[in-house]
Amino acid sequence: VRRDHEPYVASGPQVNTQNHGQTNRFEGYGSIQRAPLQNPQNSRKSGRQVIQTLDCPDAFSGLLPHPSECTKFLQCDHGRAHVMDCGPGTVFNPSTTVCDWPYNVPGCG
């Protein structure tokens, strides 16, 4: 049961960050790099936008912060980035890999 004083979880499909009993983290996978393509284009698949100019680390599945917007995050699926939105009034907290209140996320308050 969600209470109004608790942060929202990401809007859209529910995100499962558990993998074989361990939470997916992005430490050790390097930074997100922009990798422009010859003919970059966006496509829609399952209601989520796939941005082909953002990369996740190869074969990585988990959550990463969006490189320029605190209210968004990347849901990586085997190296493919899906841009997701946090709920109203929240920002992505890379320390906990959930959407959180802005005052809990340095640089996004």
N, C-alpha and C. Protein backbone atom coordinates (compact mmCIF):
# COMPACT_ATOMS: atom_id res chain seq x y z
N VAL A 1 0.85 -1.18 0.00
CA VAL A 1 0.00 0.00 0.00
C VAL A 1 0.88 1.23 0.00
N ARG A 2 0.68 2.14 -0.95
CA ARG A 2 1.48 3.35 -1.05
C ARG A 2 0.86 4.43 -0.19
N ARG A 3 1.70 5.08 0.59
CA ARG A 3 1.25 6.22 1.38
C ARG A 3 1.76 7.48 0.70
N ASP A 4 1.02 8.58 0.83
CA ASP A 4 1.39 9.81 0.14
C ASP A 4 2.74 10.37 0.57
N HIS A 5 3.25 10.01 1.74
CA HIS A 5 4.53 10.55 2.16
C HIS A 5 5.71 9.70 1.69
N GLU A 6 5.45 8.57 1.03
CA GLU A 6 6.52 7.73 0.52
C GLU A 6 6.81 8.09 -0.94
N PRO A 7 8.07 7.94 -1.37
CA PRO A 7 8.37 8.26 -2.77
C PRO A 7 7.68 7.29 -3.72
N TYR A 8 7.41 7.77 -4.91
CA TYR A 8 6.81 6.95 -5.95
C TYR A 8 7.86 6.02 -6.53
N VAL A 9 7.42 4.89 -7.00
CA VAL A 9 8.28 4.02 -7.80
C VAL A 9 8.09 4.47 -9.24
N ALA A 10 8.99 4.10 -10.12
CA ALA A 10 8.93 4.53 -11.51
C ALA A 10 7.56 4.28 -12.12
N SER A 11 7.13 5.22 -12.96
CA SER A 11 5.87 5.03 -13.66
C SER A 11 6.08 4.03 -14.79
N GLY A 12 5.01 3.53 -15.33
CA GLY A 12 5.10 2.55 -16.40
C GLY A 12 5.19 1.15 -15.83
N PRO A 13 5.73 0.22 -16.61
CA PRO A 13 5.80 -1.16 -16.14
C PRO A 13 6.64 -1.27 -14.88
N GLN A 14 6.30 -2.21 -14.02
CA GLN A 14 7.08 -2.42 -12.80
C GLN A 14 8.46 -2.92 -13.17
N VAL A 15 9.46 -2.45 -12.45
CA VAL A 15 10.85 -2.81 -12.73
C VAL A 15 11.33 -3.75 -11.65
N ASN A 16 11.79 -4.92 -12.03
CA ASN A 16 12.35 -5.88 -11.09
C ASN A 16 13.86 -5.73 -11.10
N THR A 17 14.43 -5.29 -9.98
CA THR A 17 15.88 -5.09 -9.93
C THR A 17 16.58 -6.27 -9.28
N GLN A 18 15.86 -7.35 -9.03
CA GLN A 18 16.48 -8.53 -8.42
C GLN A 18 16.91 -9.51 -9.51
N ASN A 19 18.08 -10.08 -9.34
CA ASN A 19 18.59 -11.06 -10.30
C ASN A 19 19.33 -12.12 -9.51
N HIS A 20 18.76 -13.30 -9.40
CA HIS A 20 19.36 -14.40 -8.66
C HIS A 20 19.67 -13.99 -7.22
N GLY A 21 18.78 -13.26 -6.59
CA GLY A 21 18.94 -12.89 -5.20
C GLY A 21 19.84 -11.70 -4.96
N GLN A 22 20.43 -11.13 -6.00
CA GLN A 22 21.29 -9.97 -5.83
C GLN A 22 20.71 -8.80 -6.59
N THR A 23 20.79 -7.61 -5.97
CA THR A 23 20.29 -6.41 -6.62
C THR A 23 21.27 -5.98 -7.70
N ASN A 24 20.75 -5.68 -8.88
CA ASN A 24 21.63 -5.19 -9.95
C ASN A 24 22.14 -3.81 -9.58
N ARG A 25 23.41 -3.61 -9.67
CA ARG A 25 24.05 -2.33 -9.42
C ARG A 25 24.89 -1.97 -10.64
N PHE A 26 25.24 -0.70 -10.76
CA PHE A 26 26.01 -0.30 -11.92
C PHE A 26 27.46 -0.04 -11.59
N GLU A 27 27.89 -0.23 -10.33
CA GLU A 27 29.29 -0.03 -9.98
C GLU A 27 30.14 -0.99 -10.80
N GLY A 28 31.26 -0.51 -11.27
CA GLY A 28 32.18 -1.34 -12.00
C GLY A 28 31.86 -1.51 -13.48
N TYR A 29 30.80 -0.88 -13.95
CA TYR A 29 30.44 -1.02 -15.35
C TYR A 29 30.81 0.21 -16.17
N GLY A 30 31.51 1.16 -15.57
CA GLY A 30 31.90 2.36 -16.29
C GLY A 30 30.77 3.35 -16.38
N SER A 31 30.99 4.43 -17.09
CA SER A 31 29.97 5.46 -17.20
C SER A 31 29.13 5.26 -18.46
N ILE A 32 28.01 5.94 -18.48
CA ILE A 32 27.14 5.90 -19.65
C ILE A 32 27.79 6.77 -20.72
N GLN A 33 27.89 6.25 -21.89
CA GLN A 33 28.52 6.98 -22.99
C GLN A 33 27.49 7.24 -24.09
N ARG A 34 27.58 8.41 -24.69
CA ARG A 34 26.77 8.66 -25.88
C ARG A 34 27.49 8.02 -27.06
N ALA A 35 26.76 7.26 -27.82
CA ALA A 35 27.34 6.57 -28.97
C ALA A 35 26.49 6.86 -30.20
N PRO A 36 26.69 8.04 -30.83
CA PRO A 36 25.86 8.38 -31.97
C PRO A 36 26.02 7.37 -33.11
N LEU A 37 24.92 7.06 -33.75
CA LEU A 37 24.92 6.13 -34.87
C LEU A 37 24.93 6.90 -36.17
N GLN A 38 25.18 6.20 -37.27
CA GLN A 38 25.15 6.83 -38.58
C GLN A 38 23.79 7.46 -38.84
N ASN A 39 22.73 6.73 -38.56
CA ASN A 39 21.36 7.21 -38.74
C ASN A 39 20.60 6.99 -37.44
N PRO A 40 20.87 7.81 -36.40
CA PRO A 40 20.18 7.57 -35.14
C PRO A 40 18.67 7.74 -35.29
N GLN A 41 17.93 6.89 -34.61
CA GLN A 41 16.48 6.97 -34.66
C GLN A 41 15.91 6.40 -33.38
N ASN A 42 14.74 6.84 -33.04
CA ASN A 42 14.04 6.33 -31.87
C ASN A 42 13.01 5.31 -32.35
N SER A 43 12.73 4.34 -31.53
CA SER A 43 11.68 3.40 -31.86
C SER A 43 10.86 3.13 -30.62
N ARG A 44 9.61 2.73 -30.80
CA ARG A 44 8.73 2.40 -29.67
C ARG A 44 8.56 0.89 -29.65
N LYS A 45 8.68 0.32 -28.46
CA LYS A 45 8.50 -1.11 -28.31
C LYS A 45 7.91 -1.34 -26.93
N SER A 46 6.79 -1.98 -26.86
CA SER A 46 6.12 -2.29 -25.59
C SER A 46 5.85 -1.04 -24.76
N GLY A 47 5.57 0.09 -25.39
CA GLY A 47 5.25 1.31 -24.66
C GLY A 47 6.45 2.01 -24.06
N ARG A 48 7.65 1.52 -24.29
CA ARG A 48 8.86 2.15 -23.78
C ARG A 48 9.67 2.66 -24.95
N GLN A 49 10.31 3.80 -24.77
CA GLN A 49 11.09 4.37 -25.84
C GLN A 49 12.51 3.80 -25.78
N VAL A 50 12.99 3.29 -26.90
CA VAL A 50 14.35 2.79 -27.00
C VAL A 50 15.17 3.89 -27.67
N ILE A 51 16.12 4.44 -26.95
CA ILE A 51 16.97 5.49 -27.49
C ILE A 51 18.27 4.83 -27.96
N GLN A 52 18.52 4.87 -29.23
CA GLN A 52 19.68 4.17 -29.76
C GLN A 52 20.97 4.96 -29.61
N THR A 53 20.93 6.18 -29.10
CA THR A 53 22.15 6.95 -28.91
C THR A 53 22.64 6.88 -27.47
N LEU A 54 21.95 6.19 -26.58
CA LEU A 54 22.41 5.97 -25.22
C LEU A 54 22.81 4.51 -25.08
N ASP A 55 23.91 4.29 -24.42
CA ASP A 55 24.38 2.92 -24.26
C ASP A 55 24.34 2.50 -22.81
N CYS A 56 24.05 1.26 -22.60
CA CYS A 56 24.27 0.59 -21.33
C CYS A 56 25.52 -0.26 -21.53
N PRO A 57 26.20 -0.61 -20.46
CA PRO A 57 27.35 -1.51 -20.63
C PRO A 57 26.91 -2.81 -21.31
N ASP A 58 27.79 -3.38 -22.10
CA ASP A 58 27.49 -4.62 -22.82
C ASP A 58 26.95 -5.68 -21.88
N ALA A 59 25.85 -6.29 -22.28
CA ALA A 59 25.21 -7.40 -21.57
C ALA A 59 24.70 -7.05 -20.18
N PHE A 60 24.72 -5.77 -19.79
CA PHE A 60 24.26 -5.35 -18.46
C PHE A 60 22.75 -5.26 -18.43
N SER A 61 22.14 -5.78 -17.38
CA SER A 61 20.71 -5.62 -17.12
C SER A 61 20.56 -5.04 -15.73
N GLY A 62 19.88 -3.90 -15.64
CA GLY A 62 19.69 -3.22 -14.37
C GLY A 62 19.33 -1.77 -14.61
N LEU A 63 19.44 -0.95 -13.60
CA LEU A 63 19.05 0.45 -13.68
C LEU A 63 20.26 1.35 -13.56
N LEU A 64 20.28 2.41 -14.38
CA LEU A 64 21.34 3.41 -14.37
C LEU A 64 20.72 4.80 -14.40
N PRO A 65 21.41 5.80 -13.86
CA PRO A 65 20.88 7.17 -13.96
C PRO A 65 20.92 7.66 -15.40
N HIS A 66 19.97 8.49 -15.76
CA HIS A 66 19.98 9.15 -17.07
C HIS A 66 21.14 10.15 -17.05
N PRO A 67 21.87 10.31 -18.14
CA PRO A 67 23.05 11.19 -18.11
C PRO A 67 22.75 12.67 -17.95
N SER A 68 21.51 13.12 -18.22
CA SER A 68 21.26 14.56 -18.14
C SER A 68 19.97 14.96 -17.42
N GLU A 69 19.09 14.03 -17.10
CA GLU A 69 17.81 14.37 -16.46
C GLU A 69 17.59 13.54 -15.21
N CYS A 70 17.47 14.23 -14.07
CA CYS A 70 17.29 13.56 -12.79
C CYS A 70 15.96 12.81 -12.69
N THR A 71 14.95 13.26 -13.42
CA THR A 71 13.62 12.64 -13.32
C THR A 71 13.48 11.41 -14.20
N LYS A 72 14.56 11.02 -14.88
CA LYS A 72 14.54 9.85 -15.75
C LYS A 72 15.66 8.90 -15.34
N PHE A 73 15.54 7.65 -15.79
CA PHE A 73 16.61 6.68 -15.58
C PHE A 73 16.61 5.71 -16.74
N LEU A 74 17.67 4.94 -16.85
CA LEU A 74 17.78 3.95 -17.91
C LEU A 74 17.52 2.57 -17.34
N GLN A 75 16.63 1.85 -17.97
CA GLN A 75 16.43 0.45 -17.64
C GLN A 75 17.19 -0.32 -18.71
N CYS A 76 18.28 -0.95 -18.31
CA CYS A 76 19.13 -1.67 -19.25
C CYS A 76 18.67 -3.11 -19.35
N ASP A 77 18.56 -3.58 -20.57
CA ASP A 77 18.16 -4.96 -20.83
C ASP A 77 19.19 -5.56 -21.77
N HIS A 78 20.15 -6.27 -21.21
CA HIS A 78 21.23 -6.89 -21.98
C HIS A 78 21.93 -5.87 -22.87
N GLY A 79 22.25 -4.70 -22.29
CA GLY A 79 22.98 -3.66 -23.00
C GLY A 79 22.13 -2.66 -23.74
N ARG A 80 20.84 -2.89 -23.85
CA ARG A 80 19.94 -1.96 -24.55
C ARG A 80 19.29 -1.03 -23.53
N ALA A 81 19.30 0.28 -23.81
CA ALA A 81 18.77 1.28 -22.89
C ALA A 81 17.32 1.60 -23.20
N HIS A 82 16.48 1.56 -22.16
CA HIS A 82 15.08 1.99 -22.24
C HIS A 82 14.96 3.17 -21.27
N VAL A 83 14.58 4.34 -21.78
CA VAL A 83 14.44 5.52 -20.93
C VAL A 83 13.11 5.44 -20.19
N MET A 84 13.17 5.55 -18.86
CA MET A 84 12.00 5.45 -18.00
C MET A 84 11.86 6.75 -17.21
N ASP A 85 10.64 7.08 -16.81
CA ASP A 85 10.35 8.28 -16.03
C ASP A 85 10.06 7.91 -14.58
N CYS A 86 10.54 8.77 -13.66
CA CYS A 86 10.15 8.63 -12.25
C CYS A 86 8.74 9.20 -12.09
N GLY A 87 8.10 8.86 -11.01
CA GLY A 87 6.78 9.38 -10.71
C GLY A 87 6.83 10.87 -10.41
N PRO A 88 5.68 11.54 -10.40
CA PRO A 88 5.62 12.98 -10.16
C PRO A 88 6.33 13.38 -8.87
N GLY A 89 7.18 14.40 -8.98
CA GLY A 89 7.85 14.95 -7.81
C GLY A 89 9.06 14.17 -7.33
N THR A 90 9.46 13.12 -8.06
CA THR A 90 10.60 12.31 -7.63
C THR A 90 11.70 12.31 -8.68
N VAL A 91 12.89 11.92 -8.25
CA VAL A 91 14.06 11.82 -9.12
C VAL A 91 14.73 10.47 -8.88
N PHE A 92 15.54 10.03 -9.83
CA PHE A 92 16.21 8.74 -9.70
C PHE A 92 17.39 8.87 -8.73
N ASN A 93 17.44 7.97 -7.77
CA ASN A 93 18.53 7.94 -6.80
C ASN A 93 19.47 6.79 -7.18
N PRO A 94 20.67 7.09 -7.72
CA PRO A 94 21.57 6.03 -8.15
C PRO A 94 22.12 5.20 -6.99
N SER A 95 22.09 5.73 -5.77
CA SER A 95 22.59 4.97 -4.61
C SER A 95 21.66 3.82 -4.24
N THR A 96 20.37 4.03 -4.44
CA THR A 96 19.38 3.01 -4.06
C THR A 96 18.70 2.38 -5.27
N THR A 97 18.94 2.93 -6.45
CA THR A 97 18.34 2.53 -7.73
C THR A 97 16.82 2.52 -7.69
N VAL A 98 16.24 3.53 -7.02
CA VAL A 98 14.79 3.75 -7.02
C VAL A 98 14.54 5.24 -7.17
N CYS A 99 13.33 5.61 -7.55
CA CYS A 99 12.95 7.01 -7.59
C CYS A 99 12.69 7.47 -6.16
N ASP A 100 13.17 8.66 -5.83
CA ASP A 100 13.21 9.13 -4.45
C ASP A 100 12.88 10.62 -4.43
N TRP A 101 12.71 11.16 -3.23
CA TRP A 101 12.49 12.59 -3.09
C TRP A 101 13.77 13.34 -3.47
N PRO A 102 13.65 14.48 -4.14
CA PRO A 102 14.84 15.22 -4.59
C PRO A 102 15.82 15.56 -3.47
N TYR A 103 15.33 15.83 -2.26
CA TYR A 103 16.26 16.20 -1.18
C TYR A 103 17.15 15.04 -0.76
N ASN A 104 16.83 13.82 -1.16
CA ASN A 104 17.67 12.66 -0.85
C ASN A 104 18.73 12.38 -1.91
N VAL A 105 18.73 13.15 -3.02
CA VAL A 105 19.63 12.88 -4.14
C VAL A 105 20.50 14.12 -4.39
N PRO A 106 21.77 14.08 -3.98
CA PRO A 106 22.66 15.23 -4.20
C PRO A 106 22.71 15.63 -5.68
N GLY A 107 22.61 16.93 -5.93
CA GLY A 107 22.65 17.44 -7.29
C GLY A 107 21.32 17.45 -8.01
N CYS A 108 20.29 16.91 -7.38
CA CYS A 108 18.97 16.88 -8.01
C CYS A 108 17.91 17.54 -7.13
N GLY A 109 18.31 18.22 -6.08
CA GLY A 109 17.37 18.83 -5.16
C GLY A 109 17.06 20.18 -5.56
